[in-house]
Amino acid sequence: MRSAKEAGCFPYKSKLVCFMEVFPDGTITQILTDRNSRQSALSNAISGKSKIFAVWPGQWRSDLFIIDDLDELFDAWCA
């Protein structure tokens, strides 16, 4: 797993990236692209109720990232 913050240029707005929300009980849900789904997941992550992960597909492999810069994610999704 990699850090989105350390990637430096994570494509938060890309339609190729799959975002998921992981809850402490092990529940995993895909974050849909609509504004309400994204705002709800972001709110949960900011409050500590969940964590957000993303899969960024490449040509030969896909990498799993923890979204550890919620300010950057907020700017991409809500601005």
C-alpha atoms as a PDB file:
ATOM      1  CA  MET A   1       0.000   0.000   0.000  1.00  0.00           C
ATOM      2  CA  ARG A   2       1.230   3.461  -0.842  1.00  0.00           C
ATOM      3  CA  SER A   3       0.550   6.946   0.468  1.00  0.00           C
ATOM      4  CA  ALA A   4      -1.406   9.310  -1.783  1.00  0.00           C
ATOM      5  CA  LYS A   5       0.301  12.250  -0.071  1.00  0.00           C
ATOM      6  CA  GLU A   6       3.751  10.865  -0.874  1.00  0.00           C
ATOM      7  CA  ALA A   7       2.774  10.214  -4.510  1.00  0.00           C
ATOM      8  CA  GLY A   8       2.732  13.985  -4.917  1.00  0.00           C
ATOM      9  CA  CYS A   9       0.409  14.035  -7.916  1.00  0.00           C
ATOM     10  CA  PHE A  10      -2.396  11.666  -7.031  1.00  0.00           C
ATOM     11  CA  PRO A  11      -5.224  11.839  -9.611  1.00  0.00           C
ATOM     12  CA  TYR A  12      -8.124  12.530  -7.229  1.00  0.00           C
ATOM     13  CA  LYS A  13     -10.381  13.580 -10.125  1.00  0.00           C
ATOM     14  CA  SER A  14      -9.575  10.714 -12.489  1.00  0.00           C
ATOM     15  CA  LYS A  15     -12.466   8.511 -13.556  1.00  0.00           C
ATOM     16  CA  LEU A  16     -10.049   5.564 -13.655  1.00  0.00           C
ATOM     17  CA  VAL A  17      -9.407   5.620  -9.900  1.00  0.00           C
ATOM     18  CA  CYS A  18     -11.705   3.505  -7.714  1.00  0.00           C
ATOM     19  CA  PHE A  19     -12.277   4.962  -4.240  1.00  0.00           C
ATOM     20  CA  MET A  20     -13.496   2.904  -1.303  1.00  0.00           C
ATOM     21  CA  GLU A  21     -14.453   3.613   2.277  1.00  0.00           C
ATOM     22  CA  VAL A  22     -13.342   1.174   4.969  1.00  0.00           C
ATOM     23  CA  PHE A  23     -15.018   1.128   8.372  1.00  0.00           C
ATOM     24  CA  PRO A  24     -13.586  -0.220  11.655  1.00  0.00           C
ATOM     25  CA  ASP A  25     -15.951  -3.230  11.566  1.00  0.00           C
ATOM     26  CA  GLY A  26     -14.439  -4.316   8.238  1.00  0.00           C
ATOM     27  CA  THR A  27     -17.243  -3.067   6.024  1.00  0.00           C
ATOM     28  CA  ILE A  28     -16.007  -1.801   2.678  1.00  0.00           C
ATOM     29  CA  THR A  29     -18.111   0.300   0.309  1.00  0.00           C
ATOM     30  CA  GLN A  30     -17.259   1.775  -3.047  1.00  0.00           C
ATOM     31  CA  ILE A  31     -17.531   5.551  -3.109  1.00  0.00           C
ATOM     32  CA  LEU A  32     -19.709   6.523  -6.039  1.00  0.00           C
ATOM     33  CA  THR A  33     -18.935   9.577  -8.142  1.00  0.00           C
ATOM     34  CA  ASP A  34     -21.977  11.606  -7.125  1.00  0.00           C
ATOM     35  CA  ARG A  35     -21.426  14.603  -4.872  1.00  0.00           C
ATOM     36  CA  ASN A  36     -23.487  13.251  -1.940  1.00  0.00           C
ATOM     37  CA  SER A  37     -21.590   9.941  -1.791  1.00  0.00           C
ATOM     38  CA  ARG A  38     -18.243  11.692  -1.897  1.00  0.00           C
ATOM     39  CA  GLN A  39     -19.182  14.295   0.702  1.00  0.00           C
ATOM     40  CA  SER A  40     -20.522  11.611   3.049  1.00  0.00           C
ATOM     41  CA  ALA A  41     -17.354   9.515   2.753  1.00  0.00           C
ATOM     42  CA  LEU A  42     -15.142  12.553   3.210  1.00  0.00           C
ATOM     43  CA  SER A  43     -17.113  13.651   6.274  1.00  0.00           C
ATOM     44  CA  ASN A  44     -16.783  10.157   7.770  1.00  0.00           C
ATOM     45  CA  ALA A  45     -13.040  10.116   7.131  1.00  0.00           C
ATOM     46  CA  ILE A  46     -12.507  13.575   8.631  1.00  0.00           C
ATOM     47  CA  SER A  47     -14.428  12.580  11.760  1.00  0.00           C
ATOM     48  CA  GLY A  48     -12.482   9.312  12.072  1.00  0.00           C
ATOM     49  CA  LYS A  49     -15.460   7.036  11.359  1.00  0.00           C
ATOM     50  CA  SER A  50     -13.788   5.520   8.295  1.00  0.00           C
ATOM     51  CA  LYS A  51     -10.699   5.593   6.101  1.00  0.00           C
ATOM     52  CA  ILE A  52     -10.573   6.180   2.379  1.00  0.00           C
ATOM     53  CA  PHE A  53      -8.496   4.033   0.053  1.00  0.00           C
ATOM     54  CA  ALA A  54      -8.101   4.114  -3.705  1.00  0.00           C
ATOM     55  CA  VAL A  55      -6.912   1.823  -6.450  1.00  0.00           C
ATOM     56  CA  TRP A  56      -4.997   3.598  -9.195  1.00  0.00           C
ATOM     57  CA  PRO A  57      -4.716   1.328 -12.234  1.00  0.00           C
ATOM     58  CA  GLY A  58      -1.561   1.360 -14.285  1.00  0.00           C
ATOM     59  CA  GLN A  59      -0.603  -0.281 -17.547  1.00  0.00           C
ATOM     60  CA  TRP A  60       0.915  -3.360 -15.922  1.00  0.00           C
ATOM     61  CA  ARG A  61      -0.379  -3.284 -12.350  1.00  0.00           C
ATOM     62  CA  SER A  62      -2.749  -1.435 -10.046  1.00  0.00           C
ATOM     63  CA  ASP A  63      -1.612   0.138  -6.797  1.00  0.00           C
ATOM     64  CA  LEU A  64      -3.574   0.537  -3.570  1.00  0.00           C
ATOM     65  CA  PHE A  65      -3.276   3.927  -1.868  1.00  0.00           C
ATOM     66  CA  ILE A  66      -4.399   5.185   1.484  1.00  0.00           C
ATOM     67  CA  ILE A  67      -5.835   8.664   1.077  1.00  0.00           C
ATOM     68  CA  ASP A  68      -3.870  10.398   3.781  1.00  0.00           C
ATOM     69  CA  ASP A  69      -4.284  14.001   2.631  1.00  0.00           C
ATOM     70  CA  LEU A  70      -7.953  14.738   3.235  1.00  0.00           C
ATOM     71  CA  ASP A  71      -7.454  18.448   2.558  1.00  0.00           C
ATOM     72  CA  GLU A  72      -6.244  17.660  -0.955  1.00  0.00           C
ATOM     73  CA  LEU A  73      -9.142  15.252  -1.469  1.00  0.00           C
ATOM     74  CA  PHE A  74     -11.597  17.911  -0.254  1.00  0.00           C
ATOM     75  CA  ASP A  75     -10.164  20.419  -2.734  1.00  0.00           C
ATOM     76  CA  ALA A  76     -10.530  17.930  -5.588  1.00  0.00           C
ATOM     77  CA  TRP A  77     -14.019  16.705  -4.745  1.00  0.00           C
ATOM     78  CA  CYS A  78     -15.729  19.724  -3.228  1.00  0.00           C
ATOM     79  CA  ALA A  79     -14.165  22.807  -4.783  1.00  0.00           C
END
